[in-house]
N, C-alpha and C. Protein backbone atom coordinates (compact mmCIF):
# COMPACT_ATOMS: atom_id res chain seq x y z
N MET A 1 -12.91 -0.32 13.85
CA MET A 1 -12.76 -1.71 13.82
C MET A 1 -11.32 -1.94 13.83
N PHE A 2 -10.60 -1.48 12.87
CA PHE A 2 -9.12 -1.71 12.88
C PHE A 2 -8.31 -1.26 14.09
N LEU A 3 -8.72 -0.14 14.62
CA LEU A 3 -8.16 0.52 15.85
C LEU A 3 -8.50 -0.39 17.06
N LEU A 4 -9.92 -0.81 17.24
CA LEU A 4 -10.25 -1.88 18.20
C LEU A 4 -9.40 -3.15 18.14
N LEU A 5 -9.12 -3.55 16.91
CA LEU A 5 -8.30 -4.76 16.76
C LEU A 5 -6.91 -4.42 17.28
N ALA A 6 -6.26 -3.44 16.96
CA ALA A 6 -5.02 -3.03 17.49
C ALA A 6 -4.87 -2.99 19.00
N MET A 7 -5.96 -2.48 19.70
CA MET A 7 -6.11 -2.35 21.03
C MET A 7 -6.43 -3.48 21.59
N ALA A 8 -7.11 -4.60 20.91
CA ALA A 8 -7.35 -5.77 21.64
C ALA A 8 -5.98 -6.55 21.73
N TYR A 9 -5.29 -6.59 20.61
CA TYR A 9 -3.94 -7.19 20.60
C TYR A 9 -2.97 -6.58 21.70
N ASP A 10 -3.08 -5.34 21.90
CA ASP A 10 -2.13 -4.77 23.01
C ASP A 10 -2.52 -5.16 24.32
N ARG A 11 -3.88 -5.20 24.74
CA ARG A 11 -4.42 -5.76 25.96
C ARG A 11 -4.15 -7.18 25.99
N TYR A 12 -4.31 -7.98 24.97
CA TYR A 12 -4.09 -9.30 25.11
C TYR A 12 -2.51 -9.53 25.36
N VAL A 13 -1.77 -8.96 24.79
CA VAL A 13 -0.24 -9.05 25.24
C VAL A 13 -0.04 -8.60 26.53
N ALA A 14 -0.64 -7.60 27.10
CA ALA A 14 -0.30 -6.82 28.41
C ALA A 14 -0.75 -8.05 29.40
N ILE A 15 -1.91 -8.48 29.20
CA ILE A 15 -2.58 -9.36 30.25
C ILE A 15 -2.09 -10.90 30.21
N CYS A 16 -1.90 -11.45 29.07
CA CYS A 16 -1.42 -12.88 28.79
C CYS A 16 0.08 -12.91 28.88
N LYS A 17 0.72 -11.97 28.50
CA LYS A 17 2.33 -12.10 28.50
C LYS A 17 2.95 -11.02 28.82
N PRO A 18 2.65 -10.58 30.28
CA PRO A 18 3.32 -9.36 30.53
C PRO A 18 4.63 -9.04 30.73
N LEU A 19 5.49 -10.19 30.92
CA LEU A 19 6.86 -10.23 31.08
C LEU A 19 7.51 -9.99 29.46
N ARG A 20 6.75 -10.34 28.52
CA ARG A 20 7.27 -10.23 27.11
C ARG A 20 6.76 -9.03 26.41
N TYR A 21 6.08 -8.07 27.16
CA TYR A 21 5.24 -7.08 26.48
C TYR A 21 6.19 -6.16 25.61
N THR A 22 7.30 -5.71 26.21
CA THR A 22 8.19 -4.82 25.53
C THR A 22 8.71 -5.49 24.20
N VAL A 23 8.96 -6.63 24.40
CA VAL A 23 9.45 -7.40 23.19
C VAL A 23 8.34 -7.58 22.05
N LEU A 24 7.21 -7.92 22.56
CA LEU A 24 6.05 -8.16 21.48
C LEU A 24 5.65 -7.00 20.99
N VAL A 25 5.52 -5.80 21.68
CA VAL A 25 4.88 -4.68 21.33
C VAL A 25 6.03 -3.47 21.36
N ASN A 26 6.81 -3.61 20.29
CA ASN A 26 7.92 -2.84 20.28
C ASN A 26 7.36 -1.48 19.25
N ARG A 27 8.37 -0.68 18.99
CA ARG A 27 7.97 0.57 18.20
C ARG A 27 7.44 0.20 16.68
N THR A 28 8.31 -0.97 16.28
CA THR A 28 7.88 -1.32 14.76
C THR A 28 6.46 -1.96 14.72
N VAL A 29 6.09 -2.75 15.83
CA VAL A 29 4.73 -3.31 15.76
C VAL A 29 3.66 -2.24 16.05
N CYS A 30 3.99 -1.07 16.82
CA CYS A 30 3.11 -0.02 17.05
C CYS A 30 2.81 0.73 15.68
N HIS A 31 4.11 0.96 14.93
CA HIS A 31 3.98 1.56 13.73
C HIS A 31 3.07 0.68 12.63
N VAL A 32 3.39 -0.59 12.71
CA VAL A 32 2.52 -1.46 11.86
C VAL A 32 1.05 -1.31 12.18
N LEU A 33 0.79 -1.46 13.30
CA LEU A 33 -0.71 -1.45 13.82
C LEU A 33 -1.49 -0.12 13.41
N VAL A 34 -0.56 0.83 13.69
CA VAL A 34 -1.20 2.34 13.26
C VAL A 34 -1.35 2.36 11.89
N GLY A 35 -0.55 1.95 11.01
CA GLY A 35 -0.43 2.04 9.38
C GLY A 35 -1.52 1.08 9.06
N ALA A 36 -1.75 -0.09 9.51
CA ALA A 36 -2.85 -0.90 9.08
C ALA A 36 -4.08 -0.14 9.58
N SER A 37 -4.42 0.27 10.57
CA SER A 37 -5.50 0.92 11.03
C SER A 37 -5.81 2.09 10.07
N TRP A 38 -4.86 3.03 9.96
CA TRP A 38 -5.08 4.04 8.98
C TRP A 38 -5.48 3.56 7.52
N GLY A 39 -4.61 2.49 7.08
CA GLY A 39 -4.77 1.97 5.72
C GLY A 39 -6.04 1.36 5.70
N GLY A 40 -6.67 0.43 6.58
CA GLY A 40 -7.80 -0.17 6.48
C GLY A 40 -8.97 0.77 6.42
N GLY A 41 -8.90 1.96 7.22
CA GLY A 41 -10.08 2.97 7.31
C GLY A 41 -10.11 3.53 6.17
N PHE A 42 -8.96 3.94 5.61
CA PHE A 42 -8.71 4.53 4.08
C PHE A 42 -9.54 3.80 3.14
N LEU A 43 -9.15 2.51 3.09
CA LEU A 43 -9.84 1.49 2.15
C LEU A 43 -11.17 1.38 2.31
N HIS A 44 -11.74 1.22 3.49
CA HIS A 44 -13.10 1.11 3.76
C HIS A 44 -13.93 2.43 3.36
N GLY A 45 -13.19 3.59 3.69
CA GLY A 45 -13.91 4.81 3.09
C GLY A 45 -14.11 4.77 1.64
N ILE A 46 -12.86 4.53 0.93
CA ILE A 46 -12.97 4.59 -0.48
C ILE A 46 -14.06 3.63 -1.19
N ILE A 47 -14.00 2.40 -0.63
CA ILE A 47 -15.18 1.31 -1.08
C ILE A 47 -16.36 1.91 -0.74
N VAL A 48 -16.79 2.52 0.35
CA VAL A 48 -18.08 3.04 0.61
C VAL A 48 -18.46 4.15 -0.17
N PHE A 49 -17.54 5.04 -0.52
CA PHE A 49 -17.57 6.17 -1.34
C PHE A 49 -17.95 5.80 -2.88
N ALA A 50 -17.16 4.55 -3.44
CA ALA A 50 -17.38 4.20 -4.58
C ALA A 50 -18.73 3.58 -4.81
N LEU A 51 -19.29 2.86 -3.86
CA LEU A 51 -20.62 2.30 -3.92
C LEU A 51 -21.59 3.19 -3.75
N THR A 52 -21.40 4.39 -3.07
CA THR A 52 -22.48 5.39 -2.88
C THR A 52 -22.52 6.36 -4.02
N ILE A 53 -21.52 6.80 -4.56
CA ILE A 53 -21.28 7.60 -5.66
C ILE A 53 -22.06 7.26 -7.02
N LYS A 54 -22.14 5.97 -7.16
CA LYS A 54 -22.74 5.51 -8.41
C LYS A 54 -24.39 5.25 -8.18
N LEU A 55 -24.89 5.53 -6.95
CA LEU A 55 -26.41 5.40 -6.87
C LEU A 55 -27.05 6.65 -7.33
N PRO A 56 -28.38 6.19 -7.95
CA PRO A 56 -29.27 7.41 -8.32
C PRO A 56 -29.88 8.01 -7.16
N PHE A 57 -29.94 9.51 -7.03
CA PHE A 57 -30.70 9.88 -5.82
C PHE A 57 -32.00 10.66 -6.69
N CYS A 58 -33.13 10.68 -6.17
CA CYS A 58 -34.26 11.29 -6.68
C CYS A 58 -35.24 11.46 -5.63
N GLY A 59 -36.13 12.51 -5.80
CA GLY A 59 -37.07 12.99 -4.75
C GLY A 59 -36.31 13.98 -3.74
N LEU A 60 -37.01 13.99 -2.52
CA LEU A 60 -36.39 15.12 -1.69
C LEU A 60 -34.99 14.58 -1.21
N SER A 61 -34.11 15.61 -0.89
CA SER A 61 -32.82 15.18 -0.51
C SER A 61 -32.52 15.68 1.01
N ILE A 62 -33.45 15.44 1.81
CA ILE A 62 -33.51 15.77 3.20
C ILE A 62 -33.11 14.46 4.15
N LEU A 63 -32.11 14.68 4.92
CA LEU A 63 -31.68 13.87 5.85
C LEU A 63 -32.27 13.82 7.19
N ASP A 64 -32.48 12.83 7.78
CA ASP A 64 -33.32 12.69 9.21
C ASP A 64 -32.46 13.23 10.21
N SER A 65 -31.14 13.09 10.13
CA SER A 65 -30.16 13.54 11.27
C SER A 65 -29.23 14.46 10.65
N PHE A 66 -28.15 15.06 11.59
CA PHE A 66 -27.12 15.98 11.23
C PHE A 66 -26.05 15.07 10.47
N PHE A 67 -25.76 13.91 11.05
CA PHE A 67 -24.49 13.15 10.45
C PHE A 67 -24.98 12.44 9.21
N CYS A 68 -24.22 12.56 8.15
CA CYS A 68 -24.56 12.04 6.80
C CYS A 68 -23.94 10.61 6.85
N ASP A 69 -24.76 9.54 7.21
CA ASP A 69 -24.30 8.19 7.30
C ASP A 69 -24.70 7.55 6.03
N VAL A 70 -24.01 6.40 5.67
CA VAL A 70 -24.40 5.69 4.66
C VAL A 70 -25.70 5.16 4.61
N ARG A 71 -26.21 4.64 5.63
CA ARG A 71 -27.71 4.16 5.74
C ARG A 71 -28.73 5.06 5.43
N GLN A 72 -28.50 6.49 5.86
CA GLN A 72 -29.15 7.59 5.65
C GLN A 72 -29.25 7.82 4.07
N LEU A 73 -28.10 7.75 3.41
CA LEU A 73 -27.97 8.08 2.16
C LEU A 73 -28.55 7.02 1.16
N ALA A 74 -28.55 5.76 1.91
CA ALA A 74 -29.17 4.59 1.19
C ALA A 74 -30.81 4.73 1.01
N LYS A 75 -31.23 5.37 2.26
CA LYS A 75 -32.77 5.57 2.14
C LYS A 75 -33.20 6.62 1.10
N LEU A 76 -32.22 7.50 0.67
CA LEU A 76 -32.54 8.51 -0.37
C LEU A 76 -32.63 8.01 -1.81
N THR A 77 -32.14 6.78 -2.11
CA THR A 77 -31.76 6.36 -3.36
C THR A 77 -33.24 5.89 -3.79
N CYS A 78 -33.29 5.78 -5.25
CA CYS A 78 -34.50 5.18 -6.03
C CYS A 78 -34.40 3.68 -6.27
N THR A 79 -33.26 3.05 -6.03
CA THR A 79 -33.06 1.68 -6.28
C THR A 79 -32.88 0.89 -5.24
N ASN A 80 -32.92 -0.42 -5.52
CA ASN A 80 -32.65 -1.40 -4.20
C ASN A 80 -31.32 -1.33 -3.79
N THR A 81 -31.03 -1.07 -2.73
CA THR A 81 -29.55 -0.95 -2.19
C THR A 81 -29.19 -2.26 -1.28
N GLN A 82 -29.86 -3.24 -1.43
CA GLN A 82 -29.53 -4.40 -0.51
C GLN A 82 -28.24 -4.97 -0.85
N TRP A 83 -27.75 -5.09 -2.11
CA TRP A 83 -26.45 -5.56 -2.48
C TRP A 83 -25.49 -4.74 -2.13
N ASN A 84 -25.65 -3.46 -2.17
CA ASN A 84 -24.54 -2.36 -1.90
C ASN A 84 -24.09 -2.28 -0.46
N PHE A 85 -25.18 -2.47 0.43
CA PHE A 85 -24.80 -2.05 1.84
C PHE A 85 -25.27 -3.35 2.70
C-alpha cells in the first residue's frame, strides 16, 4: 500500500506537472518515499505479528494454502478474532 502511494505520487507529478518533475521528484524525495514505504511496511508487519502472537491456537494446525496469511491463521484460533483483524 505504501509503495503504491509512492508510485501514485510519482505518476501524478509526471502527468500533471511534467515540466517541474525533476524539481518535485528529486533524490531526497525519492529517499523519503522509499524510507516511508519500508518503515510503513515494517510497522504494519510488527503490528500484525503482535496481534497474532497473543492468540490461542487449538485443534488442528493445518492451513488450507501454501502461503501463511493472517486470515488463514485467524481461522485456526479458538477465540473471536473480529476485533483483531
